[in-house]
């Protein structure tokens, strides 16, 4: 028997479904426990996620700091829920829970020595250790000491437990002259689910 709470209808049986007063499905869980995506009040799927590029053209210098991922051109761009800000280069978590992040920059060191490097990090609230289960962030030294003008990939992928309102940035610690090729670079993230 459905339960009506102020126009929101909850039905049970082999599945659990929650609908609003206009019969839009807001939530559905199968008998095996599979939950479909959370839904908006209009019935559209809503799973906070983003995929953004780097709008700079060609090879661009990478300095230590937050990478300015602001590219929204092309069919691969999305920003479900509007949680990614292309001016601050931050994703702000709308819900508490676990998120998956991945960043990729195609780079090369533009010097003749073997001393350049870049370390990609995923910062939470401006810190590499916030919300981590270790005293240091996952430390990745990438592409240290390769010869100049030799292109390589630098990737980082991490699962982070966030509290609603936390913000996340892709940050690089760089030494020497390092260039990134914007058309081959991207930054993305998605909500995976709650922890309780």
C-alpha atoms as a PDB file:
ATOM      1  CA  UNK A   1       0.000   0.000   0.000  1.00  0.00           C
ATOM      2  CA  UNK A   2       1.548   3.348  -1.025  1.00  0.00           C
ATOM      3  CA  UNK A   3       2.223   5.935   1.656  1.00  0.00           C
ATOM      4  CA  UNK A   4       1.511   9.585   0.810  1.00  0.00           C
ATOM      5  CA  UNK A   5       3.495  12.132   2.807  1.00  0.00           C
ATOM      6  CA  UNK A   6       2.556  15.643   1.754  1.00  0.00           C
ATOM      7  CA  UNK A   7       2.298  14.621  -1.905  1.00  0.00           C
ATOM      8  CA  UNK A   8       5.423  12.463  -1.925  1.00  0.00           C
ATOM      9  CA  UNK A   9       4.404   8.855  -2.529  1.00  0.00           C
ATOM     10  CA  UNK A  10       6.450   5.895  -1.315  1.00  0.00           C
ATOM     11  CA  UNK A  11       5.623   2.465  -2.694  1.00  0.00           C
ATOM     12  CA  UNK A  12       7.128  -0.865  -1.691  1.00  0.00           C
ATOM     13  CA  UNK A  13       7.070  -4.498  -2.678  1.00  0.00           C
ATOM     14  CA  UNK A  14       9.848  -5.969  -4.800  1.00  0.00           C
ATOM     15  CA  UNK A  15      11.146  -2.437  -5.367  1.00  0.00           C
ATOM     16  CA  UNK A  16      10.995   0.808  -3.395  1.00  0.00           C
ATOM     17  CA  UNK A  17       9.977   3.866  -5.375  1.00  0.00           C
ATOM     18  CA  UNK A  18       9.539   7.480  -4.319  1.00  0.00           C
ATOM     19  CA  UNK A  19       7.543   9.819  -6.548  1.00  0.00           C
ATOM     20  CA  UNK A  20       6.469  13.424  -6.166  1.00  0.00           C
ATOM     21  CA  UNK A  21       2.934  14.791  -6.505  1.00  0.00           C
ATOM     22  CA  UNK A  22       3.302  14.959 -10.308  1.00  0.00           C
ATOM     23  CA  UNK A  23       4.293  11.268 -10.533  1.00  0.00           C
ATOM     24  CA  UNK A  24       7.956  12.109 -11.251  1.00  0.00           C
ATOM     25  CA  UNK A  25      10.196   9.308 -10.002  1.00  0.00           C
ATOM     26  CA  UNK A  26      12.699  10.681  -7.471  1.00  0.00           C
ATOM     27  CA  UNK A  27      14.258   7.411  -6.276  1.00  0.00           C
ATOM     28  CA  UNK A  28      14.068   3.713  -7.091  1.00  0.00           C
ATOM     29  CA  UNK A  29      15.709   0.680  -5.484  1.00  0.00           C
ATOM     30  CA  UNK A  30      15.336  -2.825  -6.879  1.00  0.00           C
ATOM     31  CA  UNK A  31      14.751  -5.970  -4.815  1.00  0.00           C
ATOM     32  CA  UNK A  32      18.467  -6.770  -5.175  1.00  0.00           C
ATOM     33  CA  UNK A  33      19.470  -3.395  -3.697  1.00  0.00           C
ATOM     34  CA  UNK A  34      20.431  -1.664  -6.942  1.00  0.00           C
ATOM     35  CA  UNK A  35      19.639   2.046  -6.717  1.00  0.00           C
ATOM     36  CA  UNK A  36      19.066   4.045  -9.881  1.00  0.00           C
ATOM     37  CA  UNK A  37      20.476   7.531 -10.095  1.00  0.00           C
ATOM     38  CA  UNK A  38      19.018  10.143  -7.826  1.00  0.00           C
ATOM     39  CA  UNK A  39      16.446  12.197  -9.686  1.00  0.00           C
ATOM     40  CA  UNK A  40      15.374  15.815  -9.831  1.00  0.00           C
ATOM     41  CA  UNK A  41      11.803  16.847  -9.034  1.00  0.00           C
ATOM     42  CA  UNK A  42      11.220  16.841 -12.805  1.00  0.00           C
ATOM     43  CA  UNK A  43      12.265  13.167 -12.991  1.00  0.00           C
ATOM     44  CA  UNK A  44      15.634  13.712 -14.690  1.00  0.00           C
ATOM     45  CA  UNK A  45      18.696  11.769 -13.587  1.00  0.00           C
ATOM     46  CA  UNK A  46      20.861  13.725 -11.164  1.00  0.00           C
ATOM     47  CA  UNK A  47      24.263  12.403 -10.226  1.00  0.00           C
ATOM     48  CA  UNK A  48      26.706  15.249  -9.497  1.00  0.00           C
ATOM     49  CA  UNK A  49      29.575  15.013 -11.978  1.00  0.00           C
ATOM     50  CA  UNK A  50      31.687  17.121 -14.287  1.00  0.00           C
ATOM     51  CA  UNK A  51      34.114  16.821 -17.170  1.00  0.00           C
ATOM     52  CA  UNK A  52      35.988  19.925 -18.250  1.00  0.00           C
ATOM     53  CA  UNK A  53      38.859  20.697 -20.576  1.00  0.00           C
ATOM     54  CA  UNK A  54      41.543  23.345 -20.674  1.00  0.00           C
ATOM     55  CA  UNK A  55      40.644  26.194 -22.996  1.00  0.00           C
ATOM     56  CA  UNK A  56      44.212  27.407 -23.527  1.00  0.00           C
ATOM     57  CA  UNK A  57      45.432  26.764 -27.046  1.00  0.00           C
ATOM     58  CA  UNK A  58      48.465  24.655 -27.805  1.00  0.00           C
ATOM     59  CA  UNK A  59      51.368  24.266 -25.384  1.00  0.00           C
ATOM     60  CA  UNK A  60      50.962  26.264 -22.168  1.00  0.00           C
ATOM     61  CA  UNK A  61      53.307  26.736 -19.233  1.00  0.00           C
ATOM     62  CA  UNK A  62      52.415  24.779 -16.094  1.00  0.00           C
ATOM     63  CA  UNK A  63      53.412  26.571 -12.907  1.00  0.00           C
ATOM     64  CA  UNK A  64      52.963  25.350  -9.346  1.00  0.00           C
ATOM     65  CA  UNK A  65      49.337  25.904  -8.421  1.00  0.00           C
ATOM     66  CA  UNK A  66      45.777  25.087  -9.388  1.00  0.00           C
ATOM     67  CA  UNK A  67      45.423  24.081 -13.036  1.00  0.00           C
ATOM     68  CA  UNK A  68      42.967  26.447 -14.775  1.00  0.00           C
ATOM     69  CA  UNK A  69      40.609  23.858 -16.247  1.00  0.00           C
ATOM     70  CA  UNK A  70      37.920  26.048 -17.786  1.00  0.00           C
ATOM     71  CA  UNK A  71      37.195  24.525 -21.189  1.00  0.00           C
ATOM     72  CA  UNK A  72      33.527  23.949 -21.894  1.00  0.00           C
ATOM     73  CA  UNK A  73      33.561  23.545 -25.670  1.00  0.00           C
ATOM     74  CA  UNK A  74      32.726  20.269 -27.349  1.00  0.00           C
ATOM     75  CA  UNK A  75      30.248  17.497 -26.734  1.00  0.00           C
ATOM     76  CA  UNK A  76      32.368  15.927 -23.973  1.00  0.00           C
ATOM     77  CA  UNK A  77      31.805  18.778 -21.523  1.00  0.00           C
ATOM     78  CA  UNK A  78      29.203  18.376 -18.808  1.00  0.00           C
ATOM     79  CA  UNK A  79      28.493  19.836 -15.383  1.00  0.00           C
ATOM     80  CA  UNK A  80      25.582  17.962 -13.854  1.00  0.00           C
ATOM     81  CA  UNK A  81      24.184  19.973 -10.962  1.00  0.00           C
ATOM     82  CA  UNK A  82      26.387  22.992 -11.754  1.00  0.00           C
ATOM     83  CA  UNK A  83      28.886  21.991  -9.043  1.00  0.00           C
ATOM     84  CA  UNK A  84      32.023  22.845 -11.045  1.00  0.00           C
ATOM     85  CA  UNK A  85      33.034  26.503 -11.340  1.00  0.00           C
ATOM     86  CA  UNK A  86      35.031  27.341 -14.483  1.00  0.00           C
ATOM     87  CA  UNK A  87      36.221  30.646 -12.946  1.00  0.00           C
ATOM     88  CA  UNK A  88      37.647  29.248  -9.681  1.00  0.00           C
ATOM     89  CA  UNK A  89      38.436  25.794 -11.179  1.00  0.00           C
ATOM     90  CA  UNK A  90      36.724  24.156  -8.197  1.00  0.00           C
ATOM     91  CA  UNK A  91      34.219  21.371  -7.772  1.00  0.00           C
ATOM     92  CA  UNK A  92      32.085  21.904  -4.666  1.00  0.00           C
ATOM     93  CA  UNK A  93      30.518  18.754  -3.220  1.00  0.00           C
ATOM     94  CA  UNK A  94      26.734  19.111  -3.005  1.00  0.00           C
ATOM     95  CA  UNK A  95      26.395  15.982  -0.861  1.00  0.00           C
ATOM     96  CA  UNK A  96      28.522  14.214   1.725  1.00  0.00           C
ATOM     97  CA  UNK A  97      29.909  10.940   0.414  1.00  0.00           C
ATOM     98  CA  UNK A  98      32.565   9.364  -1.775  1.00  0.00           C
ATOM     99  CA  UNK A  99      33.707  10.960  -5.042  1.00  0.00           C
ATOM    100  CA  UNK A 100      36.004   9.791  -7.827  1.00  0.00           C
ATOM    101  CA  UNK A 101      38.331  12.332  -9.483  1.00  0.00           C
ATOM    102  CA  UNK A 102      40.647  12.011 -12.463  1.00  0.00           C
ATOM    103  CA  UNK A 103      42.937  14.492 -14.156  1.00  0.00           C
ATOM    104  CA  UNK A 104      45.137  14.138 -17.202  1.00  0.00           C
ATOM    105  CA  UNK A 105      47.672  16.574 -18.675  1.00  0.00           C
ATOM    106  CA  UNK A 106      49.877  15.810 -21.659  1.00  0.00           C
ATOM    107  CA  UNK A 107      53.239  17.453 -20.843  1.00  0.00           C
ATOM    108  CA  UNK A 108      56.886  17.874 -21.648  1.00  0.00           C
ATOM    109  CA  UNK A 109      59.829  19.520 -19.929  1.00  0.00           C
ATOM    110  CA  UNK A 110      61.184  22.345 -22.010  1.00  0.00           C
ATOM    111  CA  UNK A 111      64.800  22.368 -20.863  1.00  0.00           C
ATOM    112  CA  UNK A 112      67.910  20.447 -21.823  1.00  0.00           C
ATOM    113  CA  UNK A 113      68.704  19.221 -18.305  1.00  0.00           C
ATOM    114  CA  UNK A 114      67.199  16.340 -16.382  1.00  0.00           C
ATOM    115  CA  UNK A 115      65.935  18.205 -13.331  1.00  0.00           C
ATOM    116  CA  UNK A 116      62.364  19.169 -14.200  1.00  0.00           C
ATOM    117  CA  UNK A 117      59.325  17.413 -12.758  1.00  0.00           C
ATOM    118  CA  UNK A 118      55.659  17.814 -12.000  1.00  0.00           C
ATOM    119  CA  UNK A 119      53.590  16.276  -9.187  1.00  0.00           C
ATOM    120  CA  UNK A 120      49.812  16.207  -9.711  1.00  0.00           C
ATOM    121  CA  UNK A 121      47.647  16.421  -6.581  1.00  0.00           C
ATOM    122  CA  UNK A 122      43.965  16.596  -5.809  1.00  0.00           C
ATOM    123  CA  UNK A 123      43.431  19.298  -3.190  1.00  0.00           C
ATOM    124  CA  UNK A 124      40.465  19.343  -0.822  1.00  0.00           C
ATOM    125  CA  UNK A 125      39.724  22.748   0.701  1.00  0.00           C
ATOM    126  CA  UNK A 126      43.168  23.920  -0.450  1.00  0.00           C
ATOM    127  CA  UNK A 127      45.033  21.052   1.245  1.00  0.00           C
ATOM    128  CA  UNK A 128      46.614  17.833  -0.010  1.00  0.00           C
ATOM    129  CA  UNK A 129      45.903  16.041   3.287  1.00  0.00           C
ATOM    130  CA  UNK A 130      42.323  17.102   4.147  1.00  0.00           C
ATOM    131  CA  UNK A 131      39.912  14.143   4.237  1.00  0.00           C
ATOM    132  CA  UNK A 132      42.780  11.681   3.778  1.00  0.00           C
ATOM    133  CA  UNK A 133      43.374   8.523   5.804  1.00  0.00           C
ATOM    134  CA  UNK A 134      47.124   9.153   5.848  1.00  0.00           C
ATOM    135  CA  UNK A 135      49.385  11.915   7.111  1.00  0.00           C
ATOM    136  CA  UNK A 136      50.405  12.859   3.564  1.00  0.00           C
ATOM    137  CA  UNK A 137      48.470  13.008   0.344  1.00  0.00           C
ATOM    138  CA  UNK A 138      49.007  10.277  -2.233  1.00  0.00           C
ATOM    139  CA  UNK A 139      52.438  11.314  -3.500  1.00  0.00           C
ATOM    140  CA  UNK A 140      53.099  10.853  -7.168  1.00  0.00           C
ATOM    141  CA  UNK A 141      56.308  11.890  -8.808  1.00  0.00           C
ATOM    142  CA  UNK A 142      55.724  11.854 -12.489  1.00  0.00           C
ATOM    143  CA  UNK A 143      58.131  12.099 -15.364  1.00  0.00           C
ATOM    144  CA  UNK A 144      61.169  13.194 -13.405  1.00  0.00           C
ATOM    145  CA  UNK A 145      64.302  13.889 -15.401  1.00  0.00           C
ATOM    146  CA  UNK A 146      63.231  12.934 -18.891  1.00  0.00           C
ATOM    147  CA  UNK A 147      64.869  14.786 -21.730  1.00  0.00           C
ATOM    148  CA  UNK A 148      63.393  17.978 -23.126  1.00  0.00           C
ATOM    149  CA  UNK A 149      60.723  18.110 -25.804  1.00  0.00           C
ATOM    150  CA  UNK A 150      59.647  14.530 -25.132  1.00  0.00           C
ATOM    151  CA  UNK A 151      55.903  14.407 -24.536  1.00  0.00           C
ATOM    152  CA  UNK A 152      54.409  12.193 -21.851  1.00  0.00           C
ATOM    153  CA  UNK A 153      51.226  11.755 -19.889  1.00  0.00           C
ATOM    154  CA  UNK A 154      50.670  12.728 -16.299  1.00  0.00           C
ATOM    155  CA  UNK A 155      47.553  11.326 -14.654  1.00  0.00           C
ATOM    156  CA  UNK A 156      46.058  11.303 -11.207  1.00  0.00           C
ATOM    157  CA  UNK A 157      43.017   9.333 -10.115  1.00  0.00           C
ATOM    158  CA  UNK A 158      41.738   9.291  -6.557  1.00  0.00           C
ATOM    159  CA  UNK A 159      38.686   8.447  -4.467  1.00  0.00           C
ATOM    160  CA  UNK A 160      37.991  11.036  -1.768  1.00  0.00           C
ATOM    161  CA  UNK A 161      35.415  11.066   1.039  1.00  0.00           C
ATOM    162  CA  UNK A 162      33.943  14.587   1.100  1.00  0.00           C
ATOM    163  CA  UNK A 163      31.602  16.527   3.335  1.00  0.00           C
ATOM    164  CA  UNK A 164      28.953  18.642   1.619  1.00  0.00           C
ATOM    165  CA  UNK A 165      30.503  22.045   0.924  1.00  0.00           C
ATOM    166  CA  UNK A 166      34.088  20.796   0.538  1.00  0.00           C
ATOM    167  CA  UNK A 167      35.771  22.043  -2.617  1.00  0.00           C
ATOM    168  CA  UNK A 168      38.228  20.117  -4.768  1.00  0.00           C
ATOM    169  CA  UNK A 169      40.919  21.382  -7.165  1.00  0.00           C
ATOM    170  CA  UNK A 170      43.520  19.792  -9.419  1.00  0.00           C
ATOM    171  CA  UNK A 171      46.902  21.125  -8.300  1.00  0.00           C
ATOM    172  CA  UNK A 172      50.403  20.624  -9.678  1.00  0.00           C
ATOM    173  CA  UNK A 173      53.718  21.092  -7.910  1.00  0.00           C
ATOM    174  CA  UNK A 174      56.188  21.844 -10.692  1.00  0.00           C
ATOM    175  CA  UNK A 175      59.930  22.434 -10.916  1.00  0.00           C
ATOM    176  CA  UNK A 176      61.674  23.675 -14.013  1.00  0.00           C
ATOM    177  CA  UNK A 177      59.998  24.619 -17.260  1.00  0.00           C
ATOM    178  CA  UNK A 178      57.081  22.272 -17.880  1.00  0.00           C
ATOM    179  CA  UNK A 179      54.502  22.707 -20.628  1.00  0.00           C
ATOM    180  CA  UNK A 180      51.068  21.131 -20.966  1.00  0.00           C
ATOM    181  CA  UNK A 181      49.179  20.566 -24.197  1.00  0.00           C
ATOM    182  CA  UNK A 182      45.700  21.893 -23.508  1.00  0.00           C
ATOM    183  CA  UNK A 183      43.767  20.027 -26.243  1.00  0.00           C
ATOM    184  CA  UNK A 184      44.883  16.690 -24.743  1.00  0.00           C
ATOM    185  CA  UNK A 185      44.140  17.583 -21.107  1.00  0.00           C
ATOM    186  CA  UNK A 186      41.025  17.149 -18.957  1.00  0.00           C
ATOM    187  CA  UNK A 187      39.698  17.095 -15.367  1.00  0.00           C
ATOM    188  CA  UNK A 188      36.630  15.198 -14.187  1.00  0.00           C
ATOM    189  CA  UNK A 189      34.832  13.932 -11.113  1.00  0.00           C
ATOM    190  CA  UNK A 190      31.664  12.127 -10.057  1.00  0.00           C
ATOM    191  CA  UNK A 191      29.714  11.229  -6.931  1.00  0.00           C
ATOM    192  CA  UNK A 192      29.910   7.505  -6.166  1.00  0.00           C
ATOM    193  CA  UNK A 193      27.665   7.245  -3.121  1.00  0.00           C
ATOM    194  CA  UNK A 194      27.322   7.620   0.621  1.00  0.00           C
ATOM    195  CA  UNK A 195      29.344   5.776   3.216  1.00  0.00           C
ATOM    196  CA  UNK A 196      26.539   5.028   5.654  1.00  0.00           C
END
